[in-house]
Each structure stands twice: as structure tokens, then as C-alpha cells.
Amino acid sequence: RILIFPKGNNVDHLSLYLDVADSATLPYGWSRYAQFSLAVINQIHNKYSIRK
């Protein structure tokens, strides 16, 4: 899941985190490789939209 803090997480800017749901129930040493991208869409001027 993605955690979003629009006013930041003890900072003055947007904070985003990729979180593992129910991580407390996973065995010690558990890991997972994840690949994701983030897109910011400008609905007025598409040339300003970005994906990273």
C-alpha cells in the first residue's frame, strides 16, 4: 500500500511511502523485491506530466 502525507511527515513537503501490509506478522528476515513508478499528471498542460 502507499502511505501519503500531504503536509509531510515531520517535514515541510509531501511524503510518500511504499508500505508492506501486515508486516508485523511476517517471519524474521522476510523480504520482497518491488518495482513501481509514480506519475504526476497535469490535467491542464500534459507536457508538464511526469512519470518516475
Protein backbone atom coordinates (compact mmCIF):
# COMPACT_ATOMS: atom_id res chain seq x y z
CA ARG A 1 0.00 0.00 0.00
CA ILE A 2 1.04 3.61 -0.44
CA LEU A 3 1.02 5.93 2.55
CA ILE A 4 0.57 9.60 1.65
CA PHE A 5 1.14 12.53 3.98
CA PRO A 6 0.08 15.65 2.00
CA LYS A 7 1.53 18.02 4.62
CA GLY A 8 4.62 15.92 5.21
CA ASN A 9 5.79 13.54 7.91
CA ASN A 10 7.68 15.93 10.22
CA VAL A 11 8.86 17.85 7.12
CA ASP A 12 7.52 20.77 5.08
CA HIS A 13 6.75 18.83 1.90
CA LEU A 14 4.70 15.88 0.63
CA SER A 15 5.82 12.47 1.94
CA LEU A 16 5.07 9.15 0.18
CA TYR A 17 5.93 5.67 1.45
CA LEU A 18 5.53 2.22 -0.05
CA ASP A 19 4.40 0.06 2.88
CA VAL A 20 4.04 -3.69 3.43
CA ALA A 21 0.59 -4.51 4.82
CA ASP A 22 0.59 -6.68 7.98
CA SER A 23 4.40 -6.54 8.20
CA ALA A 24 4.30 -7.47 11.91
CA THR A 25 3.02 -10.96 11.01
CA LEU A 26 5.82 -11.74 8.54
CA PRO A 27 8.72 -14.02 9.57
CA TYR A 28 12.06 -12.51 10.61
CA GLY A 29 14.25 -11.76 7.61
CA TRP A 30 11.34 -11.67 5.17
CA SER A 31 11.93 -9.56 2.09
CA ARG A 32 10.30 -8.79 -1.23
CA TYR A 33 11.59 -7.04 -4.32
CA ALA A 34 9.14 -4.46 -5.63
CA GLN A 35 9.31 -2.20 -8.64
CA PHE A 36 6.89 0.68 -9.00
CA SER A 37 6.56 4.02 -10.72
CA LEU A 38 4.91 7.26 -9.72
CA ALA A 39 3.07 9.54 -12.15
CA VAL A 40 2.09 13.16 -11.55
CA ILE A 41 -0.49 14.22 -14.12
CA ASN A 42 -1.09 17.85 -15.07
CA GLN A 43 -4.64 17.79 -16.47
CA ILE A 44 -4.32 21.27 -17.99
CA HIS A 45 -0.90 21.04 -19.68
CA ASN A 46 0.02 17.41 -20.37
CA LYS A 47 3.62 18.38 -21.24
CA TYR A 48 4.18 19.02 -17.52
CA SER A 49 3.10 15.50 -16.52
CA ILE A 50 5.91 13.22 -15.33
CA ARG A 51 6.47 9.56 -14.51
CA LYS A 52 9.40 8.26 -12.48
